[in-house]
Amino acid sequence: TSDDKIIAVDSKVTLDGNSLYRHKDYAAMRDVSEEDA
């Protein structure tokens, strides 16, 4: 930024589906409407 902060303006995050059993909160973020039905 103009005052020398460093920030993430956008983000693309892809999670390893095999690890979701230990990240129940992340698994709940799944949006099936974005996937092939």
PDB file of all heavy atoms in Angstrom:
ATOM      1  N   THR A   1       0.834  -1.197   0.000  1.00  0.00           N
ATOM      2  CA  THR A   1       0.000   0.000   0.000  1.00  0.00           C
ATOM      3  C   THR A   1       0.874   1.255   0.000  1.00  0.00           C
ATOM      4  O   THR A   1       2.097   1.189   0.145  1.00  0.00           O
ATOM      5  CB  THR A   1      -0.922   0.018   1.226  1.00  0.00           C
ATOM      6  OG1 THR A   1      -0.112   0.107   2.406  1.00  0.00           O
ATOM      7  CG2 THR A   1      -1.768  -1.249   1.290  1.00  0.00           C
ATOM      8  N   SER A   2       0.220   2.389  -0.128  1.00  0.00           N
ATOM      9  CA  SER A   2       0.955   3.663  -0.167  1.00  0.00           C
ATOM     10  C   SER A   2       1.628   3.981   1.163  1.00  0.00           C
ATOM     11  O   SER A   2       2.532   4.822   1.205  1.00  0.00           O
ATOM     12  CB  SER A   2       0.008   4.791  -0.561  1.00  0.00           C
ATOM     13  OG  SER A   2      -1.045   4.904   0.379  1.00  0.00           O
ATOM     14  N   ASP A   3       1.208   3.326   2.248  1.00  0.00           N
ATOM     15  CA  ASP A   3       1.870   3.523   3.544  1.00  0.00           C
ATOM     16  C   ASP A   3       2.658   2.286   3.958  1.00  0.00           C
ATOM     17  O   ASP A   3       2.860   2.011   5.146  1.00  0.00           O
ATOM     18  CB  ASP A   3       0.858   3.920   4.621  1.00  0.00           C
ATOM     19  CG  ASP A   3      -0.325   2.949   4.711  1.00  0.00           C
ATOM     20  OD1 ASP A   3      -0.375   2.007   3.894  1.00  0.00           O
ATOM     21  OD2 ASP A   3      -1.184   3.138   5.584  1.00  0.00           O
ATOM     22  N   ASP A   4       3.081   1.497   2.973  1.00  0.00           N
ATOM     23  CA  ASP A   4       4.023   0.385   3.143  1.00  0.00           C
ATOM     24  C   ASP A   4       3.485  -0.802   3.936  1.00  0.00           C
ATOM     25  O   ASP A   4       4.252  -1.569   4.530  1.00  0.00           O
ATOM     26  CB  ASP A   4       5.338   0.868   3.774  1.00  0.00           C
ATOM     27  CG  ASP A   4       6.180   1.682   2.801  1.00  0.00           C
ATOM     28  OD1 ASP A   4       5.914   1.607   1.584  1.00  0.00           O
ATOM     29  OD2 ASP A   4       7.098   2.395   3.251  1.00  0.00           O
ATOM     30  N   LYS A   5       2.187  -1.013   3.925  1.00  0.00           N
ATOM     31  CA  LYS A   5       1.630  -2.248   4.454  1.00  0.00           C
ATOM     32  C   LYS A   5       1.637  -3.300   3.347  1.00  0.00           C
ATOM     33  O   LYS A   5       1.591  -2.966   2.160  1.00  0.00           O
ATOM     34  CB  LYS A   5       0.202  -2.030   4.945  1.00  0.00           C
ATOM     35  CG  LYS A   5       0.083  -1.091   6.133  1.00  0.00           C
ATOM     36  CD  LYS A   5      -1.377  -0.865   6.488  1.00  0.00           C
ATOM     37  CE  LYS A   5      -1.513   0.116   7.647  1.00  0.00           C
ATOM     38  NZ  LYS A   5      -2.938   0.414   7.951  1.00  0.00           N
ATOM     39  N   ILE A   6       1.689  -4.569   3.712  1.00  0.00           N
ATOM     40  CA  ILE A   6       1.639  -5.668   2.746  1.00  0.00           C
ATOM     41  C   ILE A   6       0.385  -6.480   3.046  1.00  0.00           C
ATOM     42  O   ILE A   6       0.241  -7.029   4.145  1.00  0.00           O
ATOM     43  CB  ILE A   6       2.880  -6.575   2.830  1.00  0.00           C
ATOM     44  CG1 ILE A   6       4.161  -5.756   2.629  1.00  0.00           C
ATOM     45  CG2 ILE A   6       2.785  -7.705   1.808  1.00  0.00           C
ATOM     46  CD1 ILE A   6       4.302  -5.128   1.257  1.00  0.00           C
ATOM     47  N   ILE A   7      -0.527  -6.555   2.075  1.00  0.00           N
ATOM     48  CA  ILE A   7      -1.790  -7.246   2.314  1.00  0.00           C
ATOM     49  C   ILE A   7      -2.178  -8.122   1.119  1.00  0.00           C
ATOM     50  O   ILE A   7      -1.775  -7.864  -0.016  1.00  0.00           O
ATOM     51  CB  ILE A   7      -2.940  -6.250   2.608  1.00  0.00           C
ATOM     52  CG1 ILE A   7      -3.178  -5.337   1.410  1.00  0.00           C
ATOM     53  CG2 ILE A   7      -2.673  -5.436   3.855  1.00  0.00           C
ATOM     54  CD1 ILE A   7      -4.387  -4.438   1.590  1.00  0.00           C
ATOM     55  N   ALA A   8      -2.985  -9.141   1.403  1.00  0.00           N
ATOM     56  CA  ALA A   8      -3.535 -10.002   0.357  1.00  0.00           C
ATOM     57  C   ALA A   8      -4.839  -9.370  -0.134  1.00  0.00           C
ATOM     58  O   ALA A   8      -5.811  -9.300   0.608  1.00  0.00           O
ATOM     59  CB  ALA A   8      -3.798 -11.395   0.903  1.00  0.00           C
ATOM     60  N   VAL A   9      -4.831  -8.926  -1.369  1.00  0.00           N
ATOM     61  CA  VAL A   9      -6.027  -8.304  -1.941  1.00  0.00           C
ATOM     62  C   VAL A   9      -6.976  -9.361  -2.495  1.00  0.00           C
ATOM     63  O   VAL A   9      -8.190  -9.197  -2.491  1.00  0.00           O
ATOM     64  CB  VAL A   9      -5.633  -7.289  -3.043  1.00  0.00           C
ATOM     65  CG1 VAL A   9      -6.857  -6.737  -3.762  1.00  0.00           C
ATOM     66  CG2 VAL A   9      -4.837  -6.149  -2.431  1.00  0.00           C
ATOM     67  N   ASP A  10      -6.443 -10.448  -2.985  1.00  0.00           N
ATOM     68  CA  ASP A  10      -7.247 -11.553  -3.505  1.00  0.00           C
ATOM     69  C   ASP A  10      -6.694 -12.845  -2.916  1.00  0.00           C
ATOM     70  O   ASP A  10      -5.574 -12.864  -2.386  1.00  0.00           O
ATOM     71  CB  ASP A  10      -7.189 -11.584  -5.033  1.00  0.00           C
ATOM     72  CG  ASP A  10      -8.266 -12.462  -5.656  1.00  0.00           C
ATOM     73  OD1 ASP A  10      -9.092 -13.017  -4.898  1.00  0.00           O
ATOM     74  OD2 ASP A  10      -8.279 -12.603  -6.886  1.00  0.00           O
ATOM     75  N   SER A  11      -7.434 -13.911  -3.017  1.00  0.00           N
ATOM     76  CA  SER A  11      -6.905 -15.202  -2.565  1.00  0.00           C
ATOM     77  C   SER A  11      -7.587 -16.328  -3.315  1.00  0.00           C
ATOM     78  O   SER A  11      -8.799 -16.298  -3.528  1.00  0.00           O
ATOM     79  CB  SER A  11      -7.127 -15.390  -1.058  1.00  0.00           C
ATOM     80  OG  SER A  11      -8.458 -15.740  -0.775  1.00  0.00           O
ATOM     81  N   LYS A  12      -6.783 -17.286  -3.726  1.00  0.00           N
ATOM     82  CA  LYS A  12      -7.301 -18.547  -4.242  1.00  0.00           C
ATOM     83  C   LYS A  12      -6.698 -19.641  -3.375  1.00  0.00           C
ATOM     84  O   LYS A  12      -5.476 -19.829  -3.354  1.00  0.00           O
ATOM     85  CB  LYS A  12      -6.936 -18.771  -5.706  1.00  0.00           C
ATOM     86  CG  LYS A  12      -7.464 -20.100  -6.230  1.00  0.00           C
ATOM     87  CD  LYS A  12      -7.237 -20.277  -7.715  1.00  0.00           C
ATOM     88  CE  LYS A  12      -7.811 -21.609  -8.178  1.00  0.00           C
ATOM     89  NZ  LYS A  12      -7.650 -21.826  -9.631  1.00  0.00           N
ATOM     90  N   VAL A  13      -7.549 -20.339  -2.643  1.00  0.00           N
ATOM     91  CA  VAL A  13      -7.095 -21.376  -1.724  1.00  0.00           C
ATOM     92  C   VAL A  13      -7.721 -22.706  -2.133  1.00  0.00           C
ATOM     93  O   VAL A  13      -8.939 -22.806  -2.278  1.00  0.00           O
ATOM     94  CB  VAL A  13      -7.478 -21.039  -0.265  1.00  0.00           C
ATOM     95  CG1 VAL A  13      -7.154 -22.202   0.658  1.00  0.00           C
ATOM     96  CG2 VAL A  13      -6.752 -19.781   0.194  1.00  0.00           C
ATOM     97  N   THR A  14      -6.874 -23.698  -2.331  1.00  0.00           N
ATOM     98  CA  THR A  14      -7.323 -25.050  -2.633  1.00  0.00           C
ATOM     99  C   THR A  14      -6.812 -25.967  -1.532  1.00  0.00           C
ATOM    100  O   THR A  14      -5.613 -26.011  -1.258  1.00  0.00           O
ATOM    101  CB  THR A  14      -6.791 -25.520  -3.995  1.00  0.00           C
ATOM    102  OG1 THR A  14      -7.229 -24.618  -5.011  1.00  0.00           O
ATOM    103  CG2 THR A  14      -7.300 -26.914  -4.325  1.00  0.00           C
ATOM    104  N   LEU A  15      -7.728 -26.684  -0.903  1.00  0.00           N
ATOM    105  CA  LEU A  15      -7.376 -27.563   0.211  1.00  0.00           C
ATOM    106  C   LEU A  15      -7.265 -29.010  -0.258  1.00  0.00           C
ATOM    107  O   LEU A  15      -7.965 -29.434  -1.174  1.00  0.00           O
ATOM    108  CB  LEU A  15      -8.430 -27.474   1.315  1.00  0.00           C
ATOM    109  CG  LEU A  15      -8.677 -26.089   1.915  1.00  0.00           C
ATOM    110  CD1 LEU A  15      -9.764 -26.165   2.970  1.00  0.00           C
ATOM    111  CD2 LEU A  15      -7.400 -25.506   2.508  1.00  0.00           C
ATOM    112  N   ASP A  16      -6.388 -29.758   0.394  1.00  0.00           N
ATOM    113  CA  ASP A  16      -6.243 -31.187   0.127  1.00  0.00           C
ATOM    114  C   ASP A  16      -7.444 -31.900   0.731  1.00  0.00           C
ATOM    115  O   ASP A  16      -7.613 -31.947   1.957  1.00  0.00           O
ATOM    116  CB  ASP A  16      -4.943 -31.691   0.753  1.00  0.00           C
ATOM    117  CG  ASP A  16      -4.686 -33.167   0.490  1.00  0.00           C
ATOM    118  OD1 ASP A  16      -5.593 -33.852  -0.038  1.00  0.00           O
ATOM    119  OD2 ASP A  16      -3.585 -33.634   0.814  1.00  0.00           O
ATOM    120  N   GLY A  17      -8.290 -32.474  -0.131  1.00  0.00           N
ATOM    121  CA  GLY A  17      -9.503 -33.122   0.339  1.00  0.00           C
ATOM    122  C   GLY A  17      -9.246 -34.291   1.264  1.00  0.00           C
ATOM    123  O   GLY A  17     -10.081 -34.628   2.112  1.00  0.00           O
ATOM    124  N   ASN A  18      -8.076 -34.914   1.142  1.00  0.00           N
ATOM    125  CA  ASN A  18      -7.756 -36.054   1.997  1.00  0.00           C
ATOM    126  C   ASN A  18      -7.494 -35.648   3.445  1.00  0.00           C
ATOM    127  O   ASN A  18      -7.427 -36.505   4.324  1.00  0.00           O
ATOM    128  CB  ASN A  18      -6.527 -36.789   1.451  1.00  0.00           C
ATOM    129  CG  ASN A  18      -6.795 -37.409   0.094  1.00  0.00           C
ATOM    130  OD1 ASN A  18      -7.822 -38.029  -0.101  1.00  0.00           O
ATOM    131  ND2 ASN A  18      -5.891 -37.224  -0.846  1.00  0.00           N
ATOM    132  N   SER A  19      -7.325 -34.352   3.686  1.00  0.00           N
ATOM    133  CA  SER A  19      -7.031 -33.886   5.052  1.00  0.00           C
ATOM    134  C   SER A  19      -8.246 -33.291   5.745  1.00  0.00           C
ATOM    135  O   SER A  19      -8.157 -32.893   6.909  1.00  0.00           O
ATOM    136  CB  SER A  19      -5.928 -32.821   5.002  1.00  0.00           C
ATOM    137  OG  SER A  19      -6.430 -31.602   4.456  1.00  0.00           O
ATOM    138  N   LEU A  20      -9.372 -33.246   5.062  1.00  0.00           N
ATOM    139  CA  LEU A  20     -10.527 -32.545   5.620  1.00  0.00           C
ATOM    140  C   LEU A  20     -11.101 -33.224   6.852  1.00  0.00           C
ATOM    141  O   LEU A  20     -11.828 -32.597   7.628  1.00  0.00           O
ATOM    142  CB  LEU A  20     -11.610 -32.388   4.546  1.00  0.00           C
ATOM    143  CG  LEU A  20     -11.259 -31.422   3.404  1.00  0.00           C
ATOM    144  CD1 LEU A  20     -12.361 -31.413   2.368  1.00  0.00           C
ATOM    145  CD2 LEU A  20     -11.017 -30.022   3.938  1.00  0.00           C
ATOM    146  N   TYR A  21     -10.783 -34.494   7.062  1.00  0.00           N
ATOM    147  CA  TYR A  21     -11.284 -35.178   8.259  1.00  0.00           C
ATOM    148  C   TYR A  21     -10.755 -34.517   9.530  1.00  0.00           C
ATOM    149  O   TYR A  21     -11.365 -34.626  10.603  1.00  0.00           O
ATOM    150  CB  TYR A  21     -10.889 -36.661   8.229  1.00  0.00           C
ATOM    151  CG  TYR A  21      -9.416 -36.924   8.465  1.00  0.00           C
ATOM    152  CD1 TYR A  21      -8.933 -37.191   9.742  1.00  0.00           C
ATOM    153  CD2 TYR A  21      -8.510 -36.892   7.407  1.00  0.00           C
ATOM    154  CE1 TYR A  21      -7.584 -37.426   9.968  1.00  0.00           C
ATOM    155  CE2 TYR A  21      -7.166 -37.122   7.624  1.00  0.00           C
ATOM    156  CZ  TYR A  21      -6.708 -37.386   8.896  1.00  0.00           C
ATOM    157  OH  TYR A  21      -5.370 -37.606   9.112  1.00  0.00           O
ATOM    158  N   ARG A  22      -9.640 -33.815   9.449  1.00  0.00           N
ATOM    159  CA  ARG A  22      -9.109 -33.128  10.631  1.00  0.00           C
ATOM    160  C   ARG A  22      -9.332 -31.619  10.569  1.00  0.00           C
ATOM    161  O   ARG A  22      -8.767 -30.879  11.390  1.00  0.00           O
ATOM    162  CB  ARG A  22      -7.625 -33.450  10.813  1.00  0.00           C
ATOM    163  CG  ARG A  22      -6.727 -33.093   9.655  1.00  0.00           C
ATOM    164  CD  ARG A  22      -5.332 -33.634   9.910  1.00  0.00           C
ATOM    165  NE  ARG A  22      -4.402 -33.327   8.837  1.00  0.00           N
ATOM    166  CZ  ARG A  22      -3.209 -33.896   8.706  1.00  0.00           C
ATOM    167  NH1 ARG A  22      -2.823 -34.799   9.584  1.00  0.00           N
ATOM    168  NH2 ARG A  22      -2.404 -33.566   7.716  1.00  0.00           N
ATOM    169  N   HIS A  23     -10.122 -31.182   9.609  1.00  0.00           N
ATOM    170  CA  HIS A  23     -10.479 -29.760   9.497  1.00  0.00           C
ATOM    171  C   HIS A  23     -11.982 -29.660   9.231  1.00  0.00           C
ATOM    172  O   HIS A  23     -12.418 -29.257   8.141  1.00  0.00           O
ATOM    173  CB  HIS A  23      -9.707 -29.087   8.360  1.00  0.00           C
ATOM    174  CG  HIS A  23      -8.221 -29.085   8.529  1.00  0.00           C
ATOM    175  ND1 HIS A  23      -7.576 -28.337   9.497  1.00  0.00           N
ATOM    176  CD2 HIS A  23      -7.250 -29.743   7.856  1.00  0.00           C
ATOM    177  CE1 HIS A  23      -6.266 -28.530   9.402  1.00  0.00           C
ATOM    178  NE2 HIS A  23      -6.045 -29.382   8.419  1.00  0.00           N
ATOM    179  N   LYS A  24     -12.769 -30.021  10.206  1.00  0.00           N
ATOM    180  CA  LYS A  24     -14.217 -30.037  10.021  1.00  0.00           C
ATOM    181  C   LYS A  24     -14.759 -28.659   9.672  1.00  0.00           C
ATOM    182  O   LYS A  24     -15.728 -28.521   8.916  1.00  0.00           O
ATOM    183  CB  LYS A  24     -14.904 -30.554  11.293  1.00  0.00           C
ATOM    184  CG  LYS A  24     -14.459 -31.949  11.740  1.00  0.00           C
ATOM    185  CD  LYS A  24     -14.770 -33.014  10.705  1.00  0.00           C
ATOM    186  CE  LYS A  24     -14.404 -34.401  11.231  1.00  0.00           C
ATOM    187  NZ  LYS A  24     -14.608 -35.449  10.216  1.00  0.00           N
ATOM    188  N   ASP A  25     -14.133 -27.609  10.243  1.00  0.00           N
ATOM    189  CA  ASP A  25     -14.587 -26.251   9.951  1.00  0.00           C
ATOM    190  C   ASP A  25     -14.334 -25.881   8.499  1.00  0.00           C
ATOM    191  O   ASP A  25     -15.147 -25.192   7.873  1.00  0.00           O
ATOM    192  CB  ASP A  25     -13.916 -25.249  10.889  1.00  0.00           C
ATOM    193  CG  ASP A  25     -12.393 -25.410  10.934  1.00  0.00           C
ATOM    194  OD1 ASP A  25     -11.880 -26.481  10.529  1.00  0.00           O
ATOM    195  OD2 ASP A  25     -11.715 -24.469  11.404  1.00  0.00           O
ATOM    196  N   TYR A  26     -13.229 -26.342   7.938  1.00  0.00           N
ATOM    197  CA  TYR A  26     -12.955 -26.075   6.532  1.00  0.00           C
ATOM    198  C   TYR A  26     -13.874 -26.895   5.634  1.00  0.00           C
ATOM    199  O   TYR A  26     -14.348 -26.418   4.599  1.00  0.00           O
ATOM    200  CB  TYR A  26     -11.501 -26.381   6.182  1.00  0.00           C
ATOM    201  CG  TYR A  26     -10.475 -25.556   6.937  1.00  0.00           C
ATOM    202  CD1 TYR A  26      -9.157 -25.983   7.030  1.00  0.00           C
ATOM    203  CD2 TYR A  26     -10.823 -24.365   7.562  1.00  0.00           C
ATOM    204  CE1 TYR A  26      -8.206 -25.247   7.721  1.00  0.00           C
ATOM    205  CE2 TYR A  26      -9.881 -23.619   8.247  1.00  0.00           C
ATOM    206  CZ  TYR A  26      -8.571 -24.070   8.332  1.00  0.00           C
ATOM    207  OH  TYR A  26      -7.633 -23.329   9.017  1.00  0.00           O
ATOM    208  N   ALA A  27     -14.113 -28.146   6.022  1.00  0.00           N
ATOM    209  CA  ALA A  27     -14.986 -29.017   5.226  1.00  0.00           C
ATOM    210  C   ALA A  27     -16.379 -28.409   5.106  1.00  0.00           C
ATOM    211  O   ALA A  27     -17.048 -28.554   4.073  1.00  0.00           O
ATOM    212  CB  ALA A  27     -15.065 -30.401   5.850  1.00  0.00           C
ATOM    213  N   ALA A  28     -16.816 -27.696   6.153  1.00  0.00           N
ATOM    214  CA  ALA A  28     -18.142 -27.071   6.143  1.00  0.00           C
ATOM    215  C   ALA A  28     -18.221 -25.910   5.154  1.00  0.00           C
ATOM    216  O   ALA A  28     -19.311 -25.432   4.830  1.00  0.00           O
ATOM    217  CB  ALA A  28     -18.501 -26.583   7.540  1.00  0.00           C
ATOM    218  N   MET A  29     -17.076 -25.452   4.663  1.00  0.00           N
ATOM    219  CA  MET A  29     -17.054 -24.347   3.704  1.00  0.00           C
ATOM    220  C   MET A  29     -17.359 -24.800   2.273  1.00  0.00           C
ATOM    221  O   MET A  29     -17.495 -23.962   1.372  1.00  0.00           O
ATOM    222  CB  MET A  29     -15.677 -23.664   3.703  1.00  0.00           C
ATOM    223  CG  MET A  29     -15.326 -22.957   4.992  1.00  0.00           C
ATOM    224  SD  MET A  29     -13.673 -22.201   4.874  1.00  0.00           S
ATOM    225  CE  MET A  29     -13.548 -21.369   6.458  1.00  0.00           C
ATOM    226  N   ARG A  30     -17.465 -26.082   2.052  1.00  0.00           N
ATOM    227  CA  ARG A  30     -17.679 -26.589   0.694  1.00  0.00           C
ATOM    228  C   ARG A  30     -18.954 -26.012   0.088  1.00  0.00           C
ATOM    229  O   ARG A  30     -20.014 -25.996   0.719  1.00  0.00           O
ATOM    230  CB  ARG A  30     -17.775 -28.109   0.718  1.00  0.00           C
ATOM    231  CG  ARG A  30     -17.941 -28.733  -0.662  1.00  0.00           C
ATOM    232  CD  ARG A  30     -18.121 -30.237  -0.561  1.00  0.00           C
ATOM    233  NE  ARG A  30     -18.284 -30.847  -1.875  1.00  0.00           N
ATOM    234  CZ  ARG A  30     -18.661 -32.103  -2.071  1.00  0.00           C
ATOM    235  NH1 ARG A  30     -18.913 -32.882  -1.026  1.00  0.00           N
ATOM    236  NH2 ARG A  30     -18.788 -32.584  -3.288  1.00  0.00           N
ATOM    237  N   ASP A  31     -18.853 -25.543  -1.143  1.00  0.00           N
ATOM    238  CA  ASP A  31     -20.002 -24.992  -1.868  1.00  0.00           C
ATOM    239  C   ASP A  31     -20.291 -25.911  -3.054  1.00  0.00           C
ATOM    240  O   ASP A  31     -19.681 -25.793  -4.116  1.00  0.00           O
ATOM    241  CB  ASP A  31     -19.699 -23.567  -2.352  1.00  0.00           C
ATOM    242  CG  ASP A  31     -20.895 -22.893  -3.001  1.00  0.00           C
ATOM    243  OD1 ASP A  31     -21.918 -23.573  -3.215  1.00  0.00           O
ATOM    244  OD2 ASP A  31     -20.804 -21.689  -3.309  1.00  0.00           O
ATOM    245  N   VAL A  32     -21.231 -26.833  -2.863  1.00  0.00           N
ATOM    246  CA  VAL A  32     -21.511 -27.818  -3.912  1.00  0.00           C
ATOM    247  C   VAL A  32     -22.158 -27.176  -5.135  1.00  0.00           C
ATOM    248  O   VAL A  32     -22.128 -27.758  -6.229  1.00  0.00           O
ATOM    249  CB  VAL A  32     -22.399 -28.963  -3.381  1.00  0.00           C
ATOM    250  CG1 VAL A  32     -21.676 -29.771  -2.328  1.00  0.00           C
ATOM    251  CG2 VAL A  32     -23.721 -28.429  -2.839  1.00  0.00           C
ATOM    252  N   SER A  33     -22.732 -25.975  -4.992  1.00  0.00           N
ATOM    253  CA  SER A  33     -23.328 -25.305  -6.150  1.00  0.00           C
ATOM    254  C   SER A  33     -22.274 -24.913  -7.175  1.00  0.00           C
ATOM    255  O   SER A  33     -22.597 -24.649  -8.336  1.00  0.00           O
ATOM    256  CB  SER A  33     -24.116 -24.066  -5.700  1.00  0.00           C
ATOM    257  OG  SER A  33     -23.249 -23.048  -5.220  1.00  0.00           O
ATOM    258  N   GLU A  34     -21.000 -24.863  -6.757  1.00  0.00           N
ATOM    259  CA  GLU A  34     -19.909 -24.514  -7.661  1.00  0.00           C
ATOM    260  C   GLU A  34     -19.302 -25.752  -8.325  1.00  0.00           C
ATOM    261  O   GLU A  34     -18.410 -25.631  -9.156  1.00  0.00           O
ATOM    262  CB  GLU A  34     -18.811 -23.769  -6.893  1.00  0.00           C
ATOM    263  CG  GLU A  34     -19.193 -22.372  -6.468  1.00  0.00           C
ATOM    264  CD  GLU A  34     -19.248 -21.397  -7.627  1.00  0.00           C
ATOM    265  OE1 GLU A  34     -18.471 -21.556  -8.583  1.00  0.00           O
ATOM    266  OE2 GLU A  34     -20.089 -20.485  -7.589  1.00  0.00           O
ATOM    267  N   GLU A  35     -19.764 -26.929  -7.944  1.00  0.00           N
ATOM    268  CA  GLU A  35     -19.200 -28.170  -8.469  1.00  0.00           C
ATOM    269  C   GLU A  35     -20.134 -28.800  -9.489  1.00  0.00           C
ATOM    270  O   GLU A  35     -21.319 -28.461  -9.563  1.00  0.00           O
ATOM    271  CB  GLU A  35     -18.942 -29.148  -7.320  1.00  0.00           C
ATOM    272  CG  GLU A  35     -17.995 -28.614  -6.255  1.00  0.00           C
ATOM    273  CD  GLU A  35     -17.828 -29.572  -5.089  1.00  0.00           C
ATOM    274  OE1 GLU A  35     -17.994 -30.792  -5.290  1.00  0.00           O
ATOM    275  OE2 GLU A  35     -17.546 -29.101  -3.979  1.00  0.00           O
ATOM    276  N   ASP A  36     -19.589 -29.715 -10.270  1.00  0.00           N
ATOM    277  CA  ASP A  36     -20.385 -30.467 -11.224  1.00  0.00           C
ATOM    278  C   ASP A  36     -21.404 -31.308 -10.461  1.00  0.00           C
ATOM    279  O   ASP A  36     -21.051 -32.113  -9.600  1.00  0.00           O
ATOM    280  CB  ASP A  36     -19.463 -31.371 -12.057  1.00  0.00           C
ATOM    281  CG  ASP A  36     -20.207 -32.121 -13.146  1.00  0.00           C
ATOM    282  OD1 ASP A  36     -20.929 -33.074 -12.796  1.00  0.00           O
ATOM    283  OD2 ASP A  36     -20.055 -31.765 -14.325  1.00  0.00           O
ATOM    284  N   ALA A  37     -22.696 -31.123 -10.778  1.00  0.00           N
ATOM    285  CA  ALA A  37     -23.766 -31.793 -10.024  1.00  0.00           C
ATOM    286  C   ALA A  37     -23.649 -33.317 -10.093  1.00  0.00           C
ATOM    287  O   ALA A  37     -23.917 -34.013  -9.109  1.00  0.00           O
ATOM    288  CB  ALA A  37     -25.128 -31.343 -10.550  1.00  0.00           C
TER     289      ALA A  37
END
